[in-house]
Amino acid sequence: MLVDCGGLTFCDCTGLSVLLAAARAAKAGGRDLRLCAVPHPLARLLRLTHAGRAFTIEQPDDR
C-alpha cells in the first residue's frame, strides 16, 4: 500500500498513531505500508520517534 504524503503540512502524535495502525494492519495482511513524498516535518517526527522502521520510505525516484 502506498501513501503519498506530499500534501501533508502537519502531523502530530495522532497522525503518527494512525499511520502506525495502518502499517500494522497492512503487515497483518501480508503487505507493507510505503510512504512517498515524505515532507521534512514528518521525516523528522519519524526519526525522533524511531517509528520510521515501521514503513518503507520511498524516495521520489524509487517509483
PDB file of N, CA and C in Angstrom:
ATOM      1  N   MET A   1       0.855  -1.144   0.000  1.00  0.00           N
ATOM      2  CA  MET A   1       0.000   0.000   0.000  1.00  0.00           C
ATOM      3  C   MET A   1       0.915   1.225   0.000  1.00  0.00           C
ATOM      4  N   LEU A   2       0.626   2.175  -0.864  1.00  0.00           N
ATOM      5  CA  LEU A   2       1.437   3.379  -0.990  1.00  0.00           C
ATOM      6  C   LEU A   2       0.654   4.586  -0.502  1.00  0.00           C
ATOM      7  N   VAL A   3       1.256   5.357   0.415  1.00  0.00           N
ATOM      8  CA  VAL A   3       0.642   6.578   0.928  1.00  0.00           C
ATOM      9  C   VAL A   3       1.494   7.748   0.441  1.00  0.00           C
ATOM     10  N   ASP A   4       0.906   8.612  -0.356  1.00  0.00           N
ATOM     11  CA  ASP A   4       1.589   9.801  -0.843  1.00  0.00           C
ATOM     12  C   ASP A   4       1.403  10.909   0.199  1.00  0.00           C
ATOM     13  N   CYS A   5       2.486  11.288   0.838  1.00  0.00           N
ATOM     14  CA  CYS A   5       2.442  12.286   1.913  1.00  0.00           C
ATOM     15  C   CYS A   5       2.776  13.688   1.403  1.00  0.00           C
ATOM     16  N   GLY A   6       2.817  13.869   0.096  1.00  0.00           N
ATOM     17  CA  GLY A   6       3.229  15.129  -0.492  1.00  0.00           C
ATOM     18  C   GLY A   6       2.400  16.324  -0.073  1.00  0.00           C
ATOM     19  N   GLY A   7       1.131  16.156   0.208  1.00  0.00           N
ATOM     20  CA  GLY A   7       0.271  17.265   0.596  1.00  0.00           C
ATOM     21  C   GLY A   7       0.208  17.487   2.096  1.00  0.00           C
ATOM     22  N   LEU A   8       0.938  16.688   2.850  1.00  0.00           N
ATOM     23  CA  LEU A   8       0.901  16.768   4.305  1.00  0.00           C
ATOM     24  C   LEU A   8       1.659  17.995   4.789  1.00  0.00           C
ATOM     25  N   THR A   9       0.998  18.818   5.584  1.00  0.00           N
ATOM     26  CA  THR A   9       1.654  20.007   6.132  1.00  0.00           C
ATOM     27  C   THR A   9       1.839  19.912   7.636  1.00  0.00           C
ATOM     28  N   PHE A  10       1.179  18.956   8.291  1.00  0.00           N
ATOM     29  CA  PHE A  10       1.270  18.821   9.731  1.00  0.00           C
ATOM     30  C   PHE A  10       0.995  17.373  10.109  1.00  0.00           C
ATOM     31  N   CYS A  11       1.743  16.858  11.072  1.00  0.00           N
ATOM     32  CA  CYS A  11       1.481  15.520  11.602  1.00  0.00           C
ATOM     33  C   CYS A  11       1.905  15.508  13.062  1.00  0.00           C
ATOM     34  N   ASP A  12       0.961  15.209  13.932  1.00  0.00           N
ATOM     35  CA  ASP A  12       1.262  15.118  15.359  1.00  0.00           C
ATOM     36  C   ASP A  12       1.178  13.660  15.794  1.00  0.00           C
ATOM     37  N   CYS A  13       1.113  13.434  17.082  1.00  0.00           N
ATOM     38  CA  CYS A  13       1.088  12.060  17.586  1.00  0.00           C
ATOM     39  C   CYS A  13      -0.165  11.303  17.133  1.00  0.00           C
ATOM     40  N   THR A  14      -1.263  12.004  16.932  1.00  0.00           N
ATOM     41  CA  THR A  14      -2.481  11.344  16.455  1.00  0.00           C
ATOM     42  C   THR A  14      -2.287  10.847  15.024  1.00  0.00           C
ATOM     43  N   GLY A  15      -1.735  11.688  14.177  1.00  0.00           N
ATOM     44  CA  GLY A  15      -1.459  11.282  12.792  1.00  0.00           C
ATOM     45  C   GLY A  15      -0.473  10.141  12.729  1.00  0.00           C
ATOM     46  N   LEU A  16       0.557  10.207  13.562  1.00  0.00           N
ATOM     47  CA  LEU A  16       1.546   9.136  13.613  1.00  0.00           C
ATOM     48  C   LEU A  16       0.900   7.833  14.071  1.00  0.00           C
ATOM     49  N   SER A  17       0.012   7.915  15.055  1.00  0.00           N
ATOM     50  CA  SER A  17      -0.695   6.715  15.528  1.00  0.00           C
ATOM     51  C   SER A  17      -1.527   6.083  14.429  1.00  0.00           C
ATOM     52  N   VAL A  18      -2.181   6.916  13.614  1.00  0.00           N
ATOM     53  CA  VAL A  18      -2.980   6.396  12.502  1.00  0.00           C
ATOM     54  C   VAL A  18      -2.083   5.701  11.482  1.00  0.00           C
ATOM     55  N   LEU A  19      -0.951   6.329  11.159  1.00  0.00           N
ATOM     56  CA  LEU A  19      -0.021   5.701  10.206  1.00  0.00           C
ATOM     57  C   LEU A  19       0.510   4.375  10.752  1.00  0.00           C
ATOM     58  N   LEU A  20       0.847   4.339  12.023  1.00  0.00           N
ATOM     59  CA  LEU A  20       1.347   3.101  12.621  1.00  0.00           C
ATOM     60  C   LEU A  20       0.282   2.013  12.654  1.00  0.00           C
ATOM     61  N   ALA A  21      -0.966   2.385  12.939  1.00  0.00           N
ATOM     62  CA  ALA A  21      -2.060   1.408  12.919  1.00  0.00           C
ATOM     63  C   ALA A  21      -2.259   0.860  11.511  1.00  0.00           C
ATOM     64  N   ALA A  22      -2.168   1.732  10.519  1.00  0.00           N
ATOM     65  CA  ALA A  22      -2.295   1.288   9.125  1.00  0.00           C
ATOM     66  C   ALA A  22      -1.146   0.360   8.746  1.00  0.00           C
ATOM     67  N   ALA A  23       0.056   0.655   9.235  1.00  0.00           N
ATOM     68  CA  ALA A  23       1.207  -0.214   8.956  1.00  0.00           C
ATOM     69  C   ALA A  23       1.014  -1.588   9.587  1.00  0.00           C
ATOM     70  N   ARG A  24       0.487  -1.615  10.814  1.00  0.00           N
ATOM     71  CA  ARG A  24       0.215  -2.908  11.473  1.00  0.00           C
ATOM     72  C   ARG A  24      -0.854  -3.697  10.724  1.00  0.00           C
ATOM     73  N   ALA A  25      -1.896  -3.015  10.274  1.00  0.00           N
ATOM     74  CA  ALA A  25      -2.963  -3.688   9.532  1.00  0.00           C
ATOM     75  C   ALA A  25      -2.437  -4.219   8.199  1.00  0.00           C
ATOM     76  N   ALA A  26      -1.617  -3.432   7.543  1.00  0.00           N
ATOM     77  CA  ALA A  26      -1.039  -3.877   6.273  1.00  0.00           C
ATOM     78  C   ALA A  26      -0.165  -5.106   6.494  1.00  0.00           C
ATOM     79  N   LYS A  27       0.677  -5.064   7.532  1.00  0.00           N
ATOM     80  CA  LYS A  27       1.565  -6.190   7.821  1.00  0.00           C
ATOM     81  C   LYS A  27       0.763  -7.446   8.166  1.00  0.00           C
ATOM     82  N   ALA A  28      -0.344  -7.276   8.888  1.00  0.00           N
ATOM     83  CA  ALA A  28      -1.202  -8.421   9.224  1.00  0.00           C
ATOM     84  C   ALA A  28      -1.800  -9.040   7.971  1.00  0.00           C
ATOM     85  N   GLY A  29      -1.984  -8.232   6.948  1.00  0.00           N
ATOM     86  CA  GLY A  29      -2.495  -8.727   5.675  1.00  0.00           C
ATOM     87  C   GLY A  29      -1.408  -9.149   4.706  1.00  0.00           C
ATOM     88  N   GLY A  30      -0.162  -9.199   5.197  1.00  0.00           N
ATOM     89  CA  GLY A  30       0.946  -9.642   4.363  1.00  0.00           C
ATOM     90  C   GLY A  30       1.464  -8.577   3.408  1.00  0.00           C
ATOM     91  N   ARG A  31       1.214  -7.329   3.722  1.00  0.00           N
ATOM     92  CA  ARG A  31       1.638  -6.220   2.857  1.00  0.00           C
ATOM     93  C   ARG A  31       2.505  -5.251   3.657  1.00  0.00           C
ATOM     94  N   ASP A  32       3.147  -4.347   2.916  1.00  0.00           N
ATOM     95  CA  ASP A  32       3.911  -3.256   3.529  1.00  0.00           C
ATOM     96  C   ASP A  32       3.176  -1.956   3.304  1.00  0.00           C
ATOM     97  N   LEU A  33       3.324  -1.047   4.242  1.00  0.00           N
ATOM     98  CA  LEU A  33       2.834   0.315   4.048  1.00  0.00           C
ATOM     99  C   LEU A  33       4.036   1.138   3.627  1.00  0.00           C
ATOM    100  N   ARG A  34       3.960   1.703   2.432  1.00  0.00           N
ATOM    101  CA  ARG A  34       5.054   2.501   1.889  1.00  0.00           C
ATOM    102  C   ARG A  34       4.650   3.962   1.895  1.00  0.00           C
ATOM    103  N   LEU A  35       5.569   4.809   2.309  1.00  0.00           N
ATOM    104  CA  LEU A  35       5.337   6.250   2.309  1.00  0.00           C
ATOM    105  C   LEU A  35       6.197   6.875   1.225  1.00  0.00           C
ATOM    106  N   CYS A  36       5.624   7.796   0.476  1.00  0.00           N
ATOM    107  CA  CYS A  36       6.407   8.528  -0.513  1.00  0.00           C
ATOM    108  C   CYS A  36       6.142  10.017  -0.355  1.00  0.00           C
ATOM    109  N   ALA A  37       7.043  10.807  -0.901  1.00  0.00           N
ATOM    110  CA  ALA A  37       6.958  12.275  -0.829  1.00  0.00           C
ATOM    111  C   ALA A  37       6.815  12.733   0.619  1.00  0.00           C
ATOM    112  N   VAL A  38       7.635  12.161   1.481  1.00  0.00           N
ATOM    113  CA  VAL A  38       7.577  12.467   2.916  1.00  0.00           C
ATOM    114  C   VAL A  38       8.170  13.860   3.154  1.00  0.00           C
ATOM    115  N   PRO A  39       7.369  14.794   3.662  1.00  0.00           N
ATOM    116  CA  PRO A  39       7.891  16.142   3.926  1.00  0.00           C
ATOM    117  C   PRO A  39       8.831  16.139   5.135  1.00  0.00           C
ATOM    118  N   HIS A  40       9.669  17.148   5.203  1.00  0.00           N
ATOM    119  CA  HIS A  40      10.679  17.236   6.259  1.00  0.00           C
ATOM    120  C   HIS A  40      10.087  17.100   7.677  1.00  0.00           C
ATOM    121  N   PRO A  41       8.975  17.780   8.014  1.00  0.00           N
ATOM    122  CA  PRO A  41       8.448  17.633   9.389  1.00  0.00           C
ATOM    123  C   PRO A  41       8.051  16.191   9.736  1.00  0.00           C
ATOM    124  N   LEU A  42       7.480  15.478   8.790  1.00  0.00           N
ATOM    125  CA  LEU A  42       7.120  14.080   9.056  1.00  0.00           C
ATOM    126  C   LEU A  42       8.378  13.222   9.143  1.00  0.00           C
ATOM    127  N   ALA A  43       9.340  13.458   8.283  1.00  0.00           N
ATOM    128  CA  ALA A  43      10.596  12.705   8.330  1.00  0.00           C
ATOM    129  C   ALA A  43      11.272  12.906   9.687  1.00  0.00           C
ATOM    130  N   ARG A  44      11.243  14.132  10.177  1.00  0.00           N
ATOM    131  CA  ARG A  44      11.840  14.441  11.481  1.00  0.00           C
ATOM    132  C   ARG A  44      11.095  13.706  12.593  1.00  0.00           C
ATOM    133  N   LEU A  45       9.754  13.715  12.556  1.00  0.00           N
ATOM    134  CA  LEU A  45       8.951  13.010  13.556  1.00  0.00           C
ATOM    135  C   LEU A  45       9.254  11.513  13.536  1.00  0.00           C
ATOM    136  N   LEU A  46       9.340  10.936  12.354  1.00  0.00           N
ATOM    137  CA  LEU A  46       9.654   9.513  12.231  1.00  0.00           C
ATOM    138  C   LEU A  46      11.045   9.211  12.785  1.00  0.00           C
ATOM    139  N   ARG A  47      11.989  10.096  12.515  1.00  0.00           N
ATOM    140  CA  ARG A  47      13.352   9.908  13.001  1.00  0.00           C
ATOM    141  C   ARG A  47      13.407  10.024  14.533  1.00  0.00           C
ATOM    142  N   LEU A  48      12.773  11.061  15.077  1.00  0.00           N
ATOM    143  CA  LEU A  48      12.825  11.287  16.532  1.00  0.00           C
ATOM    144  C   LEU A  48      12.140  10.184  17.328  1.00  0.00           C
ATOM    145  N   THR A  49      11.085   9.621  16.771  1.00  0.00           N
ATOM    146  CA  THR A  49      10.324   8.580  17.481  1.00  0.00           C
ATOM    147  C   THR A  49      10.780   7.166  17.120  1.00  0.00           C
ATOM    148  N   HIS A  50      11.693   7.067  16.166  1.00  0.00           N
ATOM    149  CA  HIS A  50      12.163   5.763  15.663  1.00  0.00           C
ATOM    150  C   HIS A  50      11.030   4.973  15.025  1.00  0.00           C
ATOM    151  N   ALA A  51       9.969   5.656  14.630  1.00  0.00           N
ATOM    152  CA  ALA A  51       8.814   4.995  14.024  1.00  0.00           C
ATOM    153  C   ALA A  51       9.022   4.729  12.536  1.00  0.00           C
ATOM    154  N   GLY A  52      10.054   5.304  11.961  1.00  0.00           N
ATOM    155  CA  GLY A  52      10.318   5.091  10.539  1.00  0.00           C
ATOM    156  C   GLY A  52      10.563   3.640  10.182  1.00  0.00           C
ATOM    157  N   ARG A  53      10.969   2.851  11.168  1.00  0.00           N
ATOM    158  CA  ARG A  53      11.210   1.417  10.927  1.00  0.00           C
ATOM    159  C   ARG A  53       9.943   0.660  10.542  1.00  0.00           C
ATOM    160  N   ALA A  54       8.795   1.225  10.857  1.00  0.00           N
ATOM    161  CA  ALA A  54       7.516   0.560  10.578  1.00  0.00           C
ATOM    162  C   ALA A  54       7.111   0.685   9.113  1.00  0.00           C
ATOM    163  N   PHE A  55       7.821   1.538   8.371  1.00  0.00           N
ATOM    164  CA  PHE A  55       7.426   1.838   6.997  1.00  0.00           C
ATOM    165  C   PHE A  55       8.592   1.641   6.038  1.00  0.00           C
ATOM    166  N   THR A  56       8.243   1.443   4.786  1.00  0.00           N
ATOM    167  CA  THR A  56       9.209   1.582   3.708  1.00  0.00           C
ATOM    168  C   THR A  56       9.035   2.995   3.194  1.00  0.00           C
ATOM    169  N   ILE A  57      10.097   3.778   3.236  1.00  0.00           N
ATOM    170  CA  ILE A  57      10.019   5.162   2.784  1.00  0.00           C
ATOM    171  C   ILE A  57      10.701   5.251   1.428  1.00  0.00           C
ATOM    172  N   GLU A  58       9.906   5.594   0.429  1.00  0.00           N
ATOM    173  CA  GLU A  58      10.412   5.664  -0.939  1.00  0.00           C
ATOM    174  C   GLU A  58      10.895   7.070  -1.255  1.00  0.00           C
ATOM    175  N   GLN A  59      11.982   7.122  -1.950  1.00  0.00           N
ATOM    176  CA  GLN A  59      12.479   8.391  -2.464  1.00  0.00           C
ATOM    177  C   GLN A  59      11.697   8.707  -3.741  1.00  0.00           C
ATOM    178  N   PRO A  60      11.628   9.974  -4.151  1.00  0.00           N
ATOM    179  CA  PRO A  60      10.830  10.348  -5.330  1.00  0.00           C
ATOM    180  C   PRO A  60      11.163   9.561  -6.592  1.00  0.00           C
ATOM    181  N   ASP A  61      12.418   9.153  -6.782  1.00  0.00           N
ATOM    182  CA  ASP A  61      12.777   8.424  -7.988  1.00  0.00           C
ATOM    183  C   ASP A  61      12.646   6.913  -7.858  1.00  0.00           C
ATOM    184  N   ASP A  62      12.166   6.409  -6.698  1.00  0.00           N
ATOM    185  CA  ASP A  62      12.001   4.959  -6.481  1.00  0.00           C
ATOM    186  C   ASP A  62      10.802   4.394  -7.235  1.00  0.00           C
ATOM    187  N   ARG A  63       9.829   5.256  -7.581  1.00  0.00           N
ATOM    188  CA  ARG A  63       8.603   4.740  -8.197  1.00  0.00           C
ATOM    189  C   ARG A  63       8.815   4.622  -9.629  1.00  0.00           C
TER     190      ARG A  63
END
